[in-house]
Amino acid sequence: MKKYVAYGIGAALVDTEIKVQDAELAQMNVEKGLMTLVDEDRQRELLDHLQGHLIKANRASGGSAGNSMIATAHFGGPTFMSCKVANDSDGDIYIADLEAAGVDHCLKAERAAGTTGKCLVLITPDAERSMNTFLGISETLSIEQLDAGAISASEYVYLEGYLVTSPTGRAAAIKAREIAEAAGVKTALSFSDPGMVEFFRDGMTEIIGDRLNLIFCNEDEALGWAQSDSLDVAVERLKTIADTFVITRGSDGALTFDGTALVEIPAHKVHAVDTNGAGDMFAGAFLYAITKGEDFPTAGRFASLAAGKVVAKYGPRLPAEDYRALRSEFFS
């Protein structure tokens, strides 16, 4: 049995979540439903515009792969996280959250001066999240943050698609995949965002390499990758780059493909207030379930239940005790 069920690599961000109206997104020229990279001045400009909202803001550590590794760990699957934070208060917050969840990490050495990455997450009344991300020191995440021993000691390496936007981050993702392949460790990738597929296709192709074991994506990302408006076409295109995959479809549930059978997973009907972190939770729960021996349909149903719990509340994660209760409820 491996020491870790999953080894994640991705941007370490501290999220500030603020509830807004659609009209305010338009006023601020924010693209709804997407992750947009911004510089620190632009993020400060947005925060100035939203000053009156800040008393209602939720603040927590985030980042796609980090959220997933924390979820898997809380469910009971040991994980490791490679990321980069600065020697600042946000870096302290991020490390504390990893350690509270029991996630091992590469951040034990002295941290460099700089600014830990920040994500401004704007939540509209339809529960959609629009993200404006200043990567800060995460933009320099590189091969130096990899731990080859921890990769070899993992069942899966989980690559965050957002890494494609940084030359050093992309190189680190590629190297992590190569180390995993050489060690017989399974490889997984989250497409992360429709914009990553649309605007960084060549870089994403480099990260994928010849073939991956598992891909996580939502329907928009799958269609974007296939360059088609047909989900059937998207399914066939994904089969050419991955042995297995999951396509999440929001209120329409999900599709899982285990290499043989394509199975529809029903959504858990909830009143959604915030979709931030839903895909991350789905991936984290799914990885936990398949590495404990569950088949893809069962893992999909568990992940769908977990994602439904997240979208029914504000913030990208659940309280620690809720993970244990959810695991006990589903697997009893």
Protein backbone atom coordinates (compact mmCIF):
# COMPACT_ATOMS: atom_id res chain seq x y z
CA MET A 1 0.00 0.00 0.00
CA LYS A 2 1.34 3.44 -0.95
CA LYS A 3 1.99 6.14 1.66
CA TYR A 4 -0.22 8.65 -0.19
CA VAL A 5 -3.35 8.12 -2.24
CA ALA A 6 -2.67 11.32 -4.18
CA TYR A 7 0.11 13.85 -4.74
CA GLY A 8 -1.19 17.22 -5.89
CA ILE A 9 0.62 20.10 -7.54
CA GLY A 10 -0.95 23.50 -8.12
CA ALA A 11 -1.23 27.16 -7.20
CA ALA A 12 -1.56 28.01 -3.51
CA LEU A 13 -4.10 30.82 -3.21
CA VAL A 14 -6.00 32.53 -0.44
CA ASP A 15 -9.58 33.18 -1.52
CA THR A 16 -11.68 36.21 -0.70
CA GLU A 17 -15.32 35.44 -1.56
CA ILE A 18 -17.76 38.31 -2.04
CA LYS A 19 -21.44 38.20 -3.00
CA VAL A 20 -22.26 40.53 -5.92
CA GLN A 21 -24.96 41.19 -8.48
CA ASP A 22 -24.59 40.47 -12.20
CA ALA A 23 -24.76 44.18 -12.92
CA GLU A 24 -21.67 44.72 -10.78
CA LEU A 25 -19.71 42.17 -12.80
CA ALA A 26 -20.59 44.15 -15.91
CA GLN A 27 -19.59 47.43 -14.26
CA MET A 28 -16.21 45.98 -13.31
CA ASN A 29 -15.73 44.27 -16.68
CA VAL A 30 -15.41 40.84 -15.05
CA GLU A 31 -16.05 37.77 -17.22
CA LYS A 32 -18.71 35.70 -15.54
CA GLY A 33 -18.00 32.07 -14.70
CA LEU A 34 -14.33 32.09 -15.69
CA MET A 35 -10.96 32.34 -13.97
CA THR A 36 -9.16 35.48 -15.16
CA LEU A 37 -5.52 36.13 -14.32
CA VAL A 38 -4.97 39.69 -13.11
CA ASP A 39 -2.08 41.67 -11.70
CA GLU A 40 -2.04 43.01 -8.17
CA ASP A 41 -3.15 46.49 -9.25
CA ARG A 42 -6.22 45.14 -11.04
CA GLN A 43 -7.15 43.00 -8.04
CA ARG A 44 -6.79 46.04 -5.78
CA GLU A 45 -8.97 48.06 -8.17
CA LEU A 46 -11.69 45.42 -7.93
CA LEU A 47 -11.45 45.33 -4.14
CA ASP A 48 -11.73 49.13 -4.00
CA HIS A 49 -14.90 48.94 -6.09
CA LEU A 50 -16.28 46.31 -3.70
CA GLN A 51 -15.24 48.06 -0.50
CA GLY A 52 -18.80 48.18 0.81
CA HIS A 53 -19.07 44.40 0.45
CA LEU A 54 -15.97 43.44 2.39
CA ILE A 55 -17.76 43.11 5.71
CA LYS A 56 -19.65 40.21 4.10
CA ALA A 57 -16.57 38.56 2.61
CA ASN A 58 -15.53 34.97 3.31
CA ARG A 59 -11.79 34.32 3.39
CA ALA A 60 -10.11 30.91 3.21
CA SER A 61 -7.22 29.11 1.58
CA GLY A 62 -8.03 27.86 -1.90
CA GLY A 63 -6.44 26.75 -5.12
CA SER A 64 -7.85 23.88 -7.14
CA ALA A 65 -5.40 21.06 -6.37
CA GLY A 66 -5.05 22.20 -2.77
CA ASN A 67 -8.81 22.05 -2.23
CA SER A 68 -8.90 18.54 -3.70
CA MET A 69 -5.97 17.27 -1.62
CA ILE A 70 -7.53 18.70 1.54
CA ALA A 71 -10.85 17.01 0.70
CA THR A 72 -9.22 13.62 0.05
CA ALA A 73 -7.26 13.90 3.30
CA HIS A 74 -10.33 14.85 5.34
CA PHE A 75 -12.15 11.80 3.98
CA GLY A 76 -9.28 9.63 5.19
CA GLY A 77 -6.93 9.33 2.20
CA PRO A 78 -3.39 10.61 2.95
CA THR A 79 -2.19 13.24 0.45
CA PHE A 80 0.82 15.40 -0.36
CA MET A 81 0.79 18.91 -1.85
CA SER A 82 3.48 20.70 -3.86
CA CYS A 83 2.91 24.44 -4.11
CA LYS A 84 4.62 27.73 -3.26
CA VAL A 85 3.73 30.41 -0.73
CA ALA A 86 5.59 33.49 0.45
CA ASN A 87 6.82 34.37 3.93
CA ASP A 88 3.70 36.38 4.72
CA SER A 89 0.48 36.02 6.72
CA ASP A 90 -1.42 34.47 3.79
CA GLY A 91 1.33 31.89 3.46
CA ASP A 92 0.89 31.10 7.16
CA ILE A 93 -2.86 30.64 6.60
CA TYR A 94 -2.30 28.31 3.68
CA ILE A 95 0.19 26.07 5.49
CA ALA A 96 -2.01 25.96 8.60
CA ASP A 97 -4.98 24.77 6.52
CA LEU A 98 -2.94 22.02 4.86
CA GLU A 99 -1.64 20.81 8.20
CA ALA A 100 -5.05 20.99 9.89
CA ALA A 101 -6.31 18.57 7.22
CA GLY A 102 -3.27 16.31 7.62
CA VAL A 103 -1.86 17.06 4.16
CA ASP A 104 1.92 16.63 3.87
CA HIS A 105 3.64 19.35 1.85
CA CYS A 106 6.87 20.76 0.46
CA LEU A 107 6.70 24.02 2.45
CA LYS A 108 8.83 23.08 5.46
CA ALA A 109 11.92 24.99 4.30
CA GLU A 110 12.40 28.75 4.72
CA ARG A 111 9.96 30.65 2.53
CA ALA A 112 10.98 33.42 0.15
CA ALA A 113 9.87 37.03 0.49
CA GLY A 114 7.00 38.06 -1.76
CA THR A 115 3.23 37.81 -1.92
CA THR A 116 1.22 34.62 -1.56
CA GLY A 117 -1.29 34.20 -4.39
CA LYS A 118 -4.78 35.61 -3.93
CA CYS A 119 -8.07 34.85 -5.65
CA LEU A 120 -11.02 37.24 -5.59
CA VAL A 121 -14.10 35.05 -6.00
CA LEU A 122 -17.28 36.91 -6.93
CA ILE A 123 -20.50 34.97 -6.29
CA THR A 124 -23.69 36.01 -8.12
CA PRO A 125 -27.25 35.12 -7.01
CA ASP A 126 -27.33 32.14 -9.42
CA ALA A 127 -24.42 30.63 -7.40
CA GLU A 128 -21.94 31.07 -10.26
CA ARG A 129 -18.38 31.99 -9.29
CA SER A 130 -16.20 34.39 -11.27
CA MET A 131 -12.55 34.34 -10.23
CA ASN A 132 -9.90 37.03 -10.56
CA THR A 133 -6.55 35.55 -9.61
CA PHE A 134 -3.27 37.23 -8.78
CA LEU A 135 -0.82 34.33 -8.69
CA GLY A 136 1.84 36.16 -6.71
CA ILE A 137 4.70 33.85 -5.82
CA SER A 138 2.72 30.87 -7.19
CA GLU A 139 3.63 32.08 -10.67
CA THR A 140 7.19 30.90 -9.96
CA LEU A 141 6.15 27.40 -8.82
CA SER A 142 8.72 25.16 -10.48
CA ILE A 143 10.42 21.78 -10.60
CA GLU A 144 12.24 22.78 -7.39
CA GLN A 145 8.98 22.31 -5.45
CA LEU A 146 8.61 18.68 -6.58
CA ASP A 147 9.31 15.80 -4.21
CA ALA A 148 10.18 12.75 -6.34
CA GLY A 149 10.06 10.46 -3.32
CA ALA A 150 6.53 11.55 -2.42
CA ILE A 151 5.43 11.15 -6.05
CA SER A 152 6.77 7.59 -6.13
CA ALA A 153 4.99 6.90 -2.82
CA SER A 154 1.59 7.93 -4.24
CA GLU A 155 -1.15 6.05 -6.06
CA TYR A 156 -2.00 9.09 -8.22
CA VAL A 157 -0.31 12.32 -9.21
CA TYR A 158 -2.98 15.01 -9.57
CA LEU A 159 -2.08 17.89 -11.90
CA GLU A 160 -3.94 21.19 -11.81
CA GLY A 161 -4.72 22.57 -15.28
CA TYR A 162 -4.17 26.14 -14.10
CA LEU A 163 -0.42 25.40 -14.09
CA VAL A 164 -0.48 25.74 -17.87
CA THR A 165 -0.47 29.55 -17.55
CA SER A 166 3.01 29.68 -15.97
CA PRO A 167 6.09 28.51 -17.93
CA THR A 168 7.75 27.16 -14.77
CA GLY A 169 4.48 25.72 -13.48
CA ARG A 170 3.84 23.95 -16.76
CA ALA A 171 7.37 22.52 -16.70
CA ALA A 172 6.77 21.29 -13.14
CA ALA A 173 3.52 19.59 -14.16
CA ILE A 174 5.25 17.86 -17.07
CA LYS A 175 8.15 16.75 -14.86
CA ALA A 176 5.77 15.45 -12.19
CA ARG A 177 3.96 13.39 -14.85
CA GLU A 178 7.25 12.02 -16.13
CA ILE A 179 8.42 11.05 -12.63
CA ALA A 180 5.06 9.38 -12.01
CA GLU A 181 5.17 7.46 -15.28
CA ALA A 182 8.69 6.20 -14.56
CA ALA A 183 7.61 5.05 -11.09
CA GLY A 184 4.41 3.35 -12.25
CA VAL A 185 2.24 5.96 -10.50
CA LYS A 186 -1.10 6.78 -12.13
CA THR A 187 -1.55 10.26 -13.58
CA ALA A 188 -4.61 12.51 -13.25
CA LEU A 189 -5.33 16.00 -14.58
CA SER A 190 -8.06 18.52 -13.97
CA PHE A 191 -8.71 20.83 -16.94
CA SER A 192 -9.65 23.40 -14.24
CA ASP A 193 -11.38 26.05 -16.37
CA PRO A 194 -12.78 26.48 -19.92
CA GLY A 195 -10.27 29.28 -20.49
CA MET A 196 -7.35 26.94 -19.86
CA VAL A 197 -8.59 24.64 -22.63
CA GLU A 198 -9.42 27.46 -25.04
CA PHE A 199 -6.39 29.73 -24.67
CA PHE A 200 -3.62 27.32 -23.56
CA ARG A 201 -4.37 24.26 -25.67
CA ASP A 202 -0.78 23.67 -26.79
CA GLY A 203 0.52 23.86 -23.24
CA MET A 204 -2.24 21.54 -22.01
CA THR A 205 -1.25 19.07 -24.72
CA GLU A 206 2.32 19.17 -23.39
CA ILE A 207 1.10 18.44 -19.86
CA ILE A 208 -1.01 15.51 -21.09
CA GLY A 209 1.89 13.94 -22.97
CA ASP A 210 1.16 10.66 -24.74
CA ARG A 211 -1.73 9.73 -22.46
CA LEU A 212 -3.04 10.11 -18.92
CA ASN A 213 -4.77 7.62 -16.67
CA LEU A 214 -7.57 9.95 -15.53
CA ILE A 215 -9.00 13.33 -16.53
CA PHE A 216 -11.47 15.46 -14.58
CA CYS A 217 -13.38 18.13 -16.49
CA ASN A 218 -16.75 19.82 -16.62
CA GLU A 219 -18.99 19.77 -19.68
CA ASP A 220 -17.83 23.15 -21.00
CA GLU A 221 -14.19 22.07 -20.73
CA ALA A 222 -14.90 18.75 -22.43
CA LEU A 223 -16.69 20.46 -25.31
CA GLY A 224 -13.90 23.02 -25.54
CA TRP A 225 -11.27 20.32 -25.74
CA ALA A 226 -13.25 18.52 -28.46
CA GLN A 227 -13.93 21.82 -30.25
CA SER A 228 -17.47 20.58 -30.69
CA ASP A 229 -20.93 21.25 -29.30
CA SER A 230 -21.63 17.51 -29.10
CA LEU A 231 -21.07 15.74 -25.79
CA ASP A 232 -20.85 12.42 -27.65
CA VAL A 233 -17.96 13.80 -29.70
CA ALA A 234 -16.31 15.13 -26.56
CA VAL A 235 -16.49 11.68 -24.93
CA GLU A 236 -14.79 10.09 -27.92
CA ARG A 237 -12.06 12.77 -27.99
CA LEU A 238 -11.33 12.29 -24.29
CA LYS A 239 -10.90 8.56 -24.89
CA THR A 240 -7.93 9.38 -27.15
CA ILE A 241 -5.99 11.15 -24.36
CA ALA A 242 -7.03 9.33 -21.18
CA ASP A 243 -7.76 5.78 -20.07
CA THR A 244 -10.56 6.98 -17.81
CA PHE A 245 -12.35 10.27 -17.16
CA VAL A 246 -15.13 12.10 -15.38
CA ILE A 247 -17.26 14.88 -16.89
CA THR A 248 -19.20 16.90 -14.32
CA ARG A 249 -22.43 18.49 -15.56
CA GLY A 250 -23.69 20.64 -12.69
CA SER A 251 -27.38 20.06 -12.02
CA ASP A 252 -27.37 17.34 -14.70
CA GLY A 253 -25.02 15.16 -12.65
CA ALA A 254 -21.88 13.63 -14.14
CA LEU A 255 -20.55 11.01 -16.54
CA THR A 256 -17.89 8.50 -15.51
CA PHE A 257 -15.86 6.36 -17.89
CA ASP A 258 -13.80 3.56 -16.33
CA GLY A 259 -12.16 2.43 -19.54
CA THR A 260 -15.08 0.21 -20.48
CA ALA A 261 -18.45 1.64 -19.47
CA LEU A 262 -19.84 5.18 -19.63
CA VAL A 263 -22.20 5.69 -16.69
CA GLU A 264 -24.52 8.62 -15.91
CA ILE A 265 -24.35 9.80 -12.30
CA PRO A 266 -27.41 11.68 -11.00
CA ALA A 267 -26.96 15.03 -9.31
CA HIS A 268 -28.01 15.52 -5.71
CA LYS A 269 -30.72 18.14 -5.75
CA VAL A 270 -29.76 21.03 -3.51
CA HIS A 271 -30.30 24.76 -3.37
CA ALA A 272 -26.98 26.01 -4.74
CA VAL A 273 -25.64 29.25 -3.30
CA ASP A 274 -21.93 29.04 -4.29
CA THR A 275 -20.32 26.77 -6.90
CA ASN A 276 -16.77 27.74 -5.87
CA GLY A 277 -14.87 24.54 -5.05
CA ALA A 278 -17.54 22.14 -6.36
CA GLY A 279 -15.29 20.58 -8.99
CA ASP A 280 -12.38 20.43 -6.54
CA MET A 281 -14.54 18.62 -3.99
CA PHE A 282 -15.81 16.22 -6.66
CA ALA A 283 -12.24 15.31 -7.66
CA GLY A 284 -11.06 14.96 -4.06
CA ALA A 285 -13.98 12.73 -3.09
CA PHE A 286 -13.66 10.68 -6.27
CA LEU A 287 -9.94 10.07 -5.71
CA TYR A 288 -10.63 9.01 -2.14
CA ALA A 289 -13.28 6.52 -3.24
CA ILE A 290 -11.42 4.88 -6.13
CA THR A 291 -8.22 4.52 -4.10
CA LYS A 292 -10.17 2.70 -1.38
CA GLY A 293 -11.36 0.20 -3.99
CA GLU A 294 -14.73 1.57 -5.08
CA ASP A 295 -15.78 1.33 -8.74
CA PHE A 296 -16.25 4.45 -10.85
CA PRO A 297 -20.09 4.66 -10.56
CA THR A 298 -19.91 4.37 -6.76
CA ALA A 299 -17.10 6.93 -6.59
CA GLY A 300 -19.12 9.20 -8.85
CA ARG A 301 -22.19 9.00 -6.63
CA PHE A 302 -20.10 9.76 -3.54
CA ALA A 303 -18.35 12.66 -5.27
CA SER A 304 -21.68 14.04 -6.49
CA LEU A 305 -23.06 13.94 -2.96
CA ALA A 306 -19.95 15.71 -1.61
CA ALA A 307 -20.05 18.40 -4.32
CA GLY A 308 -23.73 18.98 -3.58
CA LYS A 309 -22.89 19.65 0.07
CA VAL A 310 -20.30 22.25 -0.94
CA VAL A 311 -22.51 24.22 -3.34
CA ALA A 312 -25.23 24.44 -0.70
CA LYS A 313 -22.95 26.67 1.44
CA TYR A 314 -20.51 29.52 0.92
CA GLY A 315 -16.83 28.69 0.63
CA PRO A 316 -14.84 26.01 -1.24
CA ARG A 317 -14.79 23.41 1.55
CA LEU A 318 -16.79 21.87 4.40
CA PRO A 319 -16.10 21.95 8.14
CA ALA A 320 -13.74 19.10 9.06
CA GLU A 321 -16.37 17.10 10.92
CA ASP A 322 -18.71 17.15 7.90
CA TYR A 323 -16.28 15.08 5.80
CA ARG A 324 -16.30 12.28 8.33
CA ALA A 325 -20.08 12.39 8.67
CA LEU A 326 -20.49 12.32 4.89
CA ARG A 327 -18.13 9.36 4.54
CA SER A 328 -19.95 7.45 7.28
CA GLU A 329 -23.35 8.26 5.79
CA PHE A 330 -22.43 7.07 2.30
CA PHE A 331 -20.24 4.06 3.06
CA SER A 332 -22.16 2.70 6.08
